[in-house]
């Protein structure tokens, strides 16, 4: 319950803890600011290292509204790794709603559509993620490398 309560205050509640190349120094609910909302070919998602929003999409009323409400990457340049190895890895925790998962397992036709797995894709930061063709499924409650 404590985990769920803290993630509600996090802007990216599905990714409550994260760290890249040792930054932030400790993973904490208030320090995970590495992910931004983004478009994918499966709908809305979160991205770690996308190009700036205005470099990827034409200026339209819809995109202006998306930028204002959903807070995509508008200020951070694309990151390039300084080196490789465990000190430069991306670490994160994906959070599904455990109570919603229990409800969904009891009744799969329930409208709550609990998150029991995430779709994870690695892609060129200049393009939206192709999650339909180049991705893996990561179930909640498991460690994946």
N, C-alpha and C. Protein backbone atom coordinates (compact mmCIF):
# COMPACT_ATOMS: atom_id res chain seq x y z
N UNK A 1 0.83 -1.20 0.00
CA UNK A 1 0.00 0.00 0.00
C UNK A 1 0.87 1.26 0.00
N UNK A 2 1.93 1.28 0.78
CA UNK A 2 2.82 2.42 0.84
C UNK A 2 3.43 2.71 -0.53
N UNK A 3 3.84 1.64 -1.25
CA UNK A 3 4.42 1.78 -2.59
C UNK A 3 3.41 2.44 -3.53
N UNK A 4 2.16 1.98 -3.51
CA UNK A 4 1.12 2.51 -4.38
C UNK A 4 0.81 3.97 -4.05
N UNK A 5 0.73 4.31 -2.77
CA UNK A 5 0.45 5.68 -2.35
C UNK A 5 1.54 6.63 -2.84
N UNK A 6 2.80 6.23 -2.72
CA UNK A 6 3.90 7.10 -3.14
C UNK A 6 3.93 7.27 -4.65
N UNK A 7 3.58 6.23 -5.42
CA UNK A 7 3.65 6.35 -6.88
C UNK A 7 2.57 7.28 -7.40
N UNK A 8 1.47 7.47 -6.69
CA UNK A 8 0.43 8.37 -7.16
C UNK A 8 0.93 9.81 -7.25
N UNK A 9 1.93 10.16 -6.45
CA UNK A 9 2.48 11.51 -6.48
C UNK A 9 3.53 11.66 -7.58
N UNK A 10 3.97 10.56 -8.14
CA UNK A 10 5.00 10.58 -9.17
C UNK A 10 4.35 10.87 -10.51
N UNK A 11 4.91 11.81 -11.26
CA UNK A 11 4.38 12.17 -12.57
C UNK A 11 4.33 10.96 -13.50
N UNK A 12 5.33 10.10 -13.46
CA UNK A 12 5.37 8.88 -14.26
C UNK A 12 5.14 7.68 -13.33
N UNK A 13 3.91 7.52 -12.87
CA UNK A 13 3.62 6.54 -11.83
C UNK A 13 3.94 5.10 -12.22
N UNK A 14 3.97 4.79 -13.50
CA UNK A 14 4.32 3.43 -13.91
C UNK A 14 5.82 3.19 -13.80
N UNK A 15 6.59 4.24 -13.68
CA UNK A 15 8.05 4.13 -13.53
C UNK A 15 8.45 4.97 -12.30
N UNK A 16 8.20 4.44 -11.11
CA UNK A 16 8.43 5.24 -9.91
C UNK A 16 9.89 5.38 -9.50
N UNK A 17 10.75 4.44 -9.90
CA UNK A 17 12.16 4.48 -9.52
C UNK A 17 13.02 4.29 -10.77
N UNK A 18 14.03 5.13 -10.92
CA UNK A 18 14.91 4.99 -12.09
C UNK A 18 16.27 5.62 -11.81
N UNK A 19 17.25 5.18 -12.61
CA UNK A 19 18.62 5.69 -12.48
C UNK A 19 19.34 5.43 -13.80
N UNK A 20 20.11 6.40 -14.27
CA UNK A 20 20.92 6.24 -15.48
C UNK A 20 22.33 6.74 -15.20
N UNK A 21 23.31 5.89 -15.43
CA UNK A 21 24.73 6.23 -15.24
C UNK A 21 24.97 6.79 -13.83
N UNK A 22 24.30 6.19 -12.84
CA UNK A 22 24.49 6.60 -11.46
C UNK A 22 23.76 7.86 -11.05
N UNK A 23 22.90 8.41 -11.92
CA UNK A 23 22.16 9.64 -11.61
C UNK A 23 20.67 9.32 -11.66
N UNK A 24 19.91 9.64 -10.62
CA UNK A 24 20.34 10.20 -9.34
C UNK A 24 21.15 9.17 -8.55
N UNK A 25 21.85 9.65 -7.56
CA UNK A 25 22.75 8.78 -6.80
C UNK A 25 22.00 7.63 -6.14
N UNK A 26 20.85 7.92 -5.56
CA UNK A 26 20.01 6.87 -4.99
C UNK A 26 18.63 6.93 -5.66
N UNK A 27 18.06 5.76 -5.92
CA UNK A 27 16.73 5.72 -6.51
C UNK A 27 15.71 5.98 -5.41
N UNK A 28 14.86 6.97 -5.63
CA UNK A 28 13.88 7.39 -4.65
C UNK A 28 12.62 7.81 -5.41
N UNK A 29 11.46 7.76 -4.75
CA UNK A 29 10.20 8.11 -5.40
C UNK A 29 10.17 9.55 -5.91
N UNK A 30 10.94 10.42 -5.32
CA UNK A 30 10.89 11.82 -5.71
C UNK A 30 11.97 12.19 -6.72
N UNK A 31 12.83 11.25 -7.13
CA UNK A 31 13.96 11.62 -7.99
C UNK A 31 13.91 11.02 -9.39
N UNK A 32 12.87 10.27 -9.75
CA UNK A 32 12.81 9.66 -11.08
C UNK A 32 12.19 10.64 -12.07
N UNK A 33 13.06 11.38 -12.76
CA UNK A 33 12.60 12.37 -13.75
C UNK A 33 13.20 12.10 -15.12
N UNK A 34 13.56 10.85 -15.40
CA UNK A 34 14.24 10.51 -16.65
C UNK A 34 13.29 10.18 -17.79
N UNK A 35 12.02 9.95 -17.50
CA UNK A 35 11.07 9.50 -18.52
C UNK A 35 10.04 10.58 -18.83
N UNK A 36 9.64 10.63 -20.10
CA UNK A 36 8.62 11.57 -20.56
C UNK A 36 7.57 10.81 -21.34
N UNK A 37 6.36 11.35 -21.39
CA UNK A 37 5.31 10.73 -22.20
C UNK A 37 5.66 10.89 -23.67
N UNK A 38 5.22 9.92 -24.47
CA UNK A 38 5.55 9.94 -25.90
C UNK A 38 4.50 9.19 -26.70
N UNK A 39 4.58 9.34 -28.02
CA UNK A 39 3.74 8.58 -28.94
C UNK A 39 4.49 7.32 -29.35
N UNK A 40 3.76 6.22 -29.51
CA UNK A 40 4.30 4.99 -30.08
C UNK A 40 3.30 4.52 -31.13
N UNK A 41 3.63 3.47 -31.87
CA UNK A 41 2.65 2.95 -32.82
C UNK A 41 1.61 2.06 -32.14
N UNK A 42 1.63 2.02 -30.81
CA UNK A 42 0.58 1.33 -30.04
C UNK A 42 -0.16 2.33 -29.14
N UNK A 43 0.05 3.61 -29.36
CA UNK A 43 -0.62 4.62 -28.54
C UNK A 43 0.38 5.40 -27.70
N UNK A 44 -0.08 5.89 -26.56
CA UNK A 44 0.80 6.67 -25.68
C UNK A 44 1.73 5.76 -24.90
N UNK A 45 2.90 6.28 -24.60
CA UNK A 45 3.87 5.53 -23.83
C UNK A 45 4.77 6.47 -23.07
N UNK A 46 5.84 5.91 -22.54
CA UNK A 46 6.87 6.68 -21.85
C UNK A 46 8.19 6.42 -22.55
N UNK A 47 9.03 7.42 -22.60
CA UNK A 47 10.32 7.24 -23.25
C UNK A 47 11.43 7.80 -22.39
N UNK A 48 12.58 7.17 -22.49
CA UNK A 48 13.74 7.58 -21.72
C UNK A 48 14.61 8.56 -22.50
N UNK A 49 14.78 8.35 -23.78
CA UNK A 49 15.79 9.12 -24.50
C UNK A 49 15.29 9.56 -25.87
N UNK A 50 14.13 10.15 -25.93
CA UNK A 50 13.60 10.62 -27.22
C UNK A 50 14.22 11.96 -27.60
N UNK A 51 14.23 12.21 -28.88
CA UNK A 51 14.62 13.52 -29.38
C UNK A 51 13.61 14.54 -28.86
N UNK A 52 13.94 15.82 -28.94
CA UNK A 52 13.00 16.85 -28.50
C UNK A 52 11.71 16.75 -29.31
N UNK A 53 10.59 16.99 -28.65
CA UNK A 53 9.27 16.84 -29.24
C UNK A 53 9.13 17.65 -30.53
N UNK A 54 9.57 18.90 -30.52
CA UNK A 54 9.38 19.76 -31.70
C UNK A 54 10.25 19.34 -32.89
N UNK A 55 11.30 18.55 -32.63
CA UNK A 55 12.13 18.05 -33.73
C UNK A 55 11.51 16.82 -34.40
N UNK A 56 10.59 16.16 -33.70
CA UNK A 56 9.99 14.93 -34.21
C UNK A 56 8.63 15.12 -34.86
N UNK A 57 7.88 16.15 -34.44
CA UNK A 57 6.51 16.30 -34.90
C UNK A 57 6.25 17.70 -35.44
N UNK A 58 5.35 17.77 -36.43
CA UNK A 58 4.95 19.07 -36.99
C UNK A 58 4.16 19.84 -35.95
N UNK A 59 4.18 21.16 -36.08
CA UNK A 59 3.43 22.01 -35.18
C UNK A 59 1.96 21.99 -35.58
N UNK A 60 1.11 21.44 -34.74
CA UNK A 60 -0.34 21.40 -34.96
C UNK A 60 -1.03 21.75 -33.65
N UNK A 61 -2.32 22.01 -33.72
CA UNK A 61 -3.07 22.30 -32.50
C UNK A 61 -3.04 21.09 -31.56
N UNK A 62 -3.20 19.90 -32.12
CA UNK A 62 -3.19 18.69 -31.30
C UNK A 62 -1.84 18.52 -30.60
N UNK A 63 -0.76 18.68 -31.33
CA UNK A 63 0.56 18.52 -30.73
C UNK A 63 0.84 19.59 -29.69
N UNK A 64 0.36 20.79 -29.91
CA UNK A 64 0.52 21.85 -28.91
C UNK A 64 -0.23 21.49 -27.63
N UNK A 65 -1.44 20.93 -27.77
CA UNK A 65 -2.21 20.50 -26.61
C UNK A 65 -1.52 19.33 -25.91
N UNK A 66 -1.03 18.36 -26.68
CA UNK A 66 -0.31 17.22 -26.10
C UNK A 66 0.90 17.72 -25.32
N UNK A 67 1.64 18.65 -25.90
CA UNK A 67 2.83 19.18 -25.23
C UNK A 67 2.47 19.88 -23.93
N UNK A 68 1.38 20.64 -23.93
CA UNK A 68 0.98 21.37 -22.73
C UNK A 68 0.51 20.43 -21.62
N UNK A 69 -0.24 19.40 -21.97
CA UNK A 69 -0.85 18.53 -20.96
C UNK A 69 0.03 17.35 -20.58
N UNK A 70 0.65 16.71 -21.55
CA UNK A 70 1.33 15.43 -21.31
C UNK A 70 2.82 15.55 -21.03
N UNK A 71 3.40 16.71 -21.19
CA UNK A 71 4.79 16.97 -20.84
C UNK A 71 5.78 16.01 -21.51
N UNK A 72 5.82 16.01 -22.86
CA UNK A 72 6.86 15.21 -23.53
C UNK A 72 8.21 15.88 -23.37
N UNK A 73 9.24 15.30 -23.94
CA UNK A 73 10.58 15.89 -23.85
C UNK A 73 10.64 17.16 -24.69
N UNK A 74 10.71 18.31 -24.03
CA UNK A 74 10.81 19.57 -24.76
C UNK A 74 12.13 20.29 -24.49
N UNK A 75 12.89 19.83 -23.49
CA UNK A 75 14.07 20.58 -23.11
C UNK A 75 15.36 19.79 -23.06
N UNK A 76 15.31 18.49 -23.14
CA UNK A 76 16.52 17.69 -22.98
C UNK A 76 17.00 17.16 -24.32
N UNK A 77 18.29 17.34 -24.59
CA UNK A 77 18.88 16.79 -25.80
C UNK A 77 19.02 15.27 -25.66
N UNK A 78 19.17 14.59 -26.77
CA UNK A 78 19.35 13.14 -26.77
C UNK A 78 20.61 12.80 -25.99
N UNK A 79 20.51 11.78 -25.14
CA UNK A 79 21.67 11.35 -24.34
C UNK A 79 22.50 10.35 -25.14
N UNK A 80 23.80 10.45 -25.03
CA UNK A 80 24.72 9.47 -25.61
C UNK A 80 25.58 8.94 -24.48
N UNK A 81 25.72 7.60 -24.39
CA UNK A 81 26.49 7.04 -23.27
C UNK A 81 27.94 7.49 -23.29
N UNK A 82 28.46 7.77 -22.11
CA UNK A 82 29.87 8.14 -21.98
C UNK A 82 30.77 6.92 -22.08
N UNK A 83 30.23 5.78 -21.67
CA UNK A 83 30.98 4.53 -21.69
C UNK A 83 29.98 3.39 -21.60
N UNK A 84 30.46 2.17 -21.38
CA UNK A 84 29.57 1.03 -21.20
C UNK A 84 29.90 0.35 -19.87
N UNK A 85 29.10 -0.62 -19.52
CA UNK A 85 29.32 -1.34 -18.27
C UNK A 85 28.27 -1.00 -17.24
N UNK A 86 28.31 -1.69 -16.10
CA UNK A 86 27.27 -1.53 -15.08
C UNK A 86 27.15 -0.11 -14.51
N UNK A 87 28.21 0.66 -14.52
CA UNK A 87 28.13 2.02 -13.99
C UNK A 87 27.33 2.95 -14.90
N UNK A 88 27.09 2.54 -16.14
CA UNK A 88 26.40 3.40 -17.12
C UNK A 88 25.06 2.82 -17.55
N UNK A 89 24.53 1.90 -16.78
CA UNK A 89 23.29 1.24 -17.14
C UNK A 89 22.07 2.09 -16.80
N UNK A 90 20.96 1.73 -17.41
CA UNK A 90 19.66 2.30 -17.07
C UNK A 90 18.96 1.29 -16.17
N UNK A 91 18.58 1.72 -14.99
CA UNK A 91 17.86 0.88 -14.03
C UNK A 91 16.50 1.52 -13.80
N UNK A 92 15.44 0.69 -13.74
CA UNK A 92 14.12 1.22 -13.48
C UNK A 92 13.22 0.16 -12.89
N UNK A 93 12.17 0.61 -12.24
CA UNK A 93 11.14 -0.26 -11.70
C UNK A 93 9.84 0.08 -12.42
N UNK A 94 9.19 -0.95 -12.97
CA UNK A 94 7.88 -0.77 -13.60
C UNK A 94 6.82 -1.16 -12.59
N UNK A 95 5.85 -0.32 -12.39
CA UNK A 95 4.84 -0.54 -11.36
C UNK A 95 3.48 -0.79 -11.99
N UNK A 96 2.95 -2.01 -11.84
CA UNK A 96 1.57 -2.30 -12.18
C UNK A 96 0.75 -2.19 -10.90
N UNK A 97 -0.53 -1.98 -11.01
CA UNK A 97 -1.40 -1.86 -9.84
C UNK A 97 -1.79 -3.25 -9.36
N UNK A 98 -1.23 -3.69 -8.23
CA UNK A 98 -1.43 -5.06 -7.76
C UNK A 98 -2.88 -5.37 -7.43
N UNK A 99 -3.61 -4.41 -6.89
CA UNK A 99 -5.03 -4.65 -6.58
C UNK A 99 -5.83 -4.80 -7.86
N UNK A 100 -5.55 -3.99 -8.85
CA UNK A 100 -6.24 -4.11 -10.13
C UNK A 100 -5.89 -5.43 -10.82
N UNK A 101 -4.66 -5.88 -10.67
CA UNK A 101 -4.25 -7.16 -11.24
C UNK A 101 -5.07 -8.29 -10.61
N UNK A 102 -5.22 -8.28 -9.29
CA UNK A 102 -6.01 -9.32 -8.61
C UNK A 102 -7.45 -9.33 -9.12
N UNK A 103 -8.03 -8.15 -9.27
CA UNK A 103 -9.40 -8.03 -9.77
C UNK A 103 -9.50 -8.57 -11.20
N UNK A 104 -8.53 -8.23 -12.02
CA UNK A 104 -8.51 -8.67 -13.41
C UNK A 104 -8.37 -10.19 -13.51
N UNK A 105 -7.53 -10.79 -12.66
CA UNK A 105 -7.36 -12.23 -12.69
C UNK A 105 -8.63 -12.96 -12.29
N UNK A 106 -9.44 -12.35 -11.39
CA UNK A 106 -10.73 -12.94 -11.02
C UNK A 106 -11.72 -12.86 -12.17
N UNK A 107 -11.70 -11.74 -12.89
CA UNK A 107 -12.66 -11.51 -13.97
C UNK A 107 -11.95 -10.80 -15.13
N UNK A 108 -11.40 -11.56 -16.10
CA UNK A 108 -10.67 -10.95 -17.21
C UNK A 108 -11.51 -10.03 -18.10
N UNK A 109 -12.83 -10.11 -17.99
CA UNK A 109 -13.69 -9.22 -18.78
C UNK A 109 -13.94 -7.90 -18.08
N UNK A 110 -13.37 -7.73 -16.90
CA UNK A 110 -13.56 -6.50 -16.13
C UNK A 110 -12.98 -5.32 -16.90
N UNK A 111 -13.67 -4.20 -16.87
CA UNK A 111 -13.25 -3.01 -17.61
C UNK A 111 -11.99 -2.36 -17.05
N UNK A 112 -11.54 -2.74 -15.87
CA UNK A 112 -10.39 -2.06 -15.26
C UNK A 112 -9.11 -2.25 -16.07
N UNK A 113 -9.01 -3.33 -16.84
CA UNK A 113 -7.84 -3.58 -17.69
C UNK A 113 -6.53 -3.39 -16.91
N UNK A 114 -6.35 -4.19 -15.91
CA UNK A 114 -5.16 -4.10 -15.07
C UNK A 114 -3.89 -4.28 -15.88
N UNK A 115 -2.86 -3.62 -15.46
CA UNK A 115 -1.58 -3.74 -16.14
C UNK A 115 -0.84 -4.92 -15.55
N UNK A 116 -0.75 -6.00 -16.32
CA UNK A 116 -0.04 -7.19 -15.88
C UNK A 116 1.28 -7.33 -16.63
N UNK A 117 1.45 -6.55 -17.70
CA UNK A 117 2.73 -6.56 -18.42
C UNK A 117 2.91 -5.24 -19.16
N UNK A 118 4.16 -4.93 -19.42
CA UNK A 118 4.53 -3.73 -20.17
C UNK A 118 5.17 -4.16 -21.48
N UNK A 119 5.09 -3.31 -22.48
CA UNK A 119 5.77 -3.54 -23.75
C UNK A 119 6.97 -2.62 -23.77
N UNK A 120 8.15 -3.18 -23.91
CA UNK A 120 9.40 -2.43 -23.84
C UNK A 120 10.12 -2.49 -25.18
N UNK A 121 10.52 -1.34 -25.71
CA UNK A 121 11.22 -1.31 -26.98
C UNK A 121 12.45 -0.44 -26.92
N UNK A 122 13.48 -0.85 -27.64
CA UNK A 122 14.70 -0.06 -27.78
C UNK A 122 14.70 0.43 -29.22
N UNK A 123 14.84 1.76 -29.41
CA UNK A 123 14.71 2.31 -30.76
C UNK A 123 15.54 3.58 -30.91
N UNK A 124 15.68 4.01 -32.15
CA UNK A 124 16.37 5.25 -32.49
C UNK A 124 15.60 6.40 -31.85
N UNK A 125 16.26 7.28 -31.08
CA UNK A 125 15.55 8.37 -30.40
C UNK A 125 14.95 9.40 -31.35
N UNK A 126 15.30 9.35 -32.65
CA UNK A 126 14.75 10.31 -33.61
C UNK A 126 13.38 9.91 -34.12
N UNK A 127 12.91 8.70 -33.77
CA UNK A 127 11.65 8.19 -34.28
C UNK A 127 10.78 7.68 -33.13
N UNK A 128 9.46 7.68 -33.32
CA UNK A 128 8.59 7.07 -32.30
C UNK A 128 8.89 5.57 -32.18
N UNK A 129 8.61 5.01 -31.02
CA UNK A 129 8.88 3.59 -30.78
C UNK A 129 7.97 2.72 -31.64
N UNK A 130 8.56 1.68 -32.26
CA UNK A 130 7.81 0.69 -33.02
C UNK A 130 7.57 -0.50 -32.10
N UNK A 131 6.57 -0.40 -31.25
CA UNK A 131 6.32 -1.44 -30.26
C UNK A 131 5.62 -2.66 -30.85
N UNK A 132 5.00 -2.50 -32.02
CA UNK A 132 4.34 -3.64 -32.65
C UNK A 132 5.35 -4.60 -33.26
N UNK A 133 6.47 -4.09 -33.74
CA UNK A 133 7.42 -4.93 -34.44
C UNK A 133 8.73 -5.18 -33.72
N UNK A 134 9.13 -4.28 -32.84
CA UNK A 134 10.44 -4.38 -32.21
C UNK A 134 10.32 -4.13 -30.71
N UNK A 135 9.82 -5.13 -30.00
CA UNK A 135 9.63 -4.95 -28.56
C UNK A 135 9.63 -6.30 -27.86
N UNK A 136 9.68 -6.24 -26.54
CA UNK A 136 9.54 -7.43 -25.71
C UNK A 136 8.49 -7.13 -24.66
N UNK A 137 7.84 -8.17 -24.17
CA UNK A 137 6.86 -8.04 -23.10
C UNK A 137 7.56 -8.30 -21.77
N UNK A 138 7.31 -7.44 -20.79
CA UNK A 138 7.89 -7.59 -19.46
C UNK A 138 6.72 -7.67 -18.49
N UNK A 139 6.58 -8.81 -17.82
CA UNK A 139 5.48 -8.99 -16.85
C UNK A 139 5.82 -8.28 -15.54
N UNK A 140 4.81 -7.75 -14.89
CA UNK A 140 5.03 -7.12 -13.60
C UNK A 140 5.34 -8.19 -12.56
N UNK A 141 6.17 -7.83 -11.60
CA UNK A 141 6.53 -8.75 -10.54
C UNK A 141 7.70 -9.66 -10.86
N UNK A 142 8.37 -9.44 -11.98
CA UNK A 142 9.52 -10.26 -12.38
C UNK A 142 10.71 -9.37 -12.68
N UNK A 143 11.90 -9.92 -12.53
CA UNK A 143 13.12 -9.20 -12.89
C UNK A 143 13.53 -9.62 -14.29
N UNK A 144 13.86 -8.66 -15.13
CA UNK A 144 14.24 -8.94 -16.51
C UNK A 144 15.56 -8.26 -16.83
N UNK A 145 16.42 -8.95 -17.56
CA UNK A 145 17.68 -8.34 -17.98
C UNK A 145 17.78 -8.34 -19.49
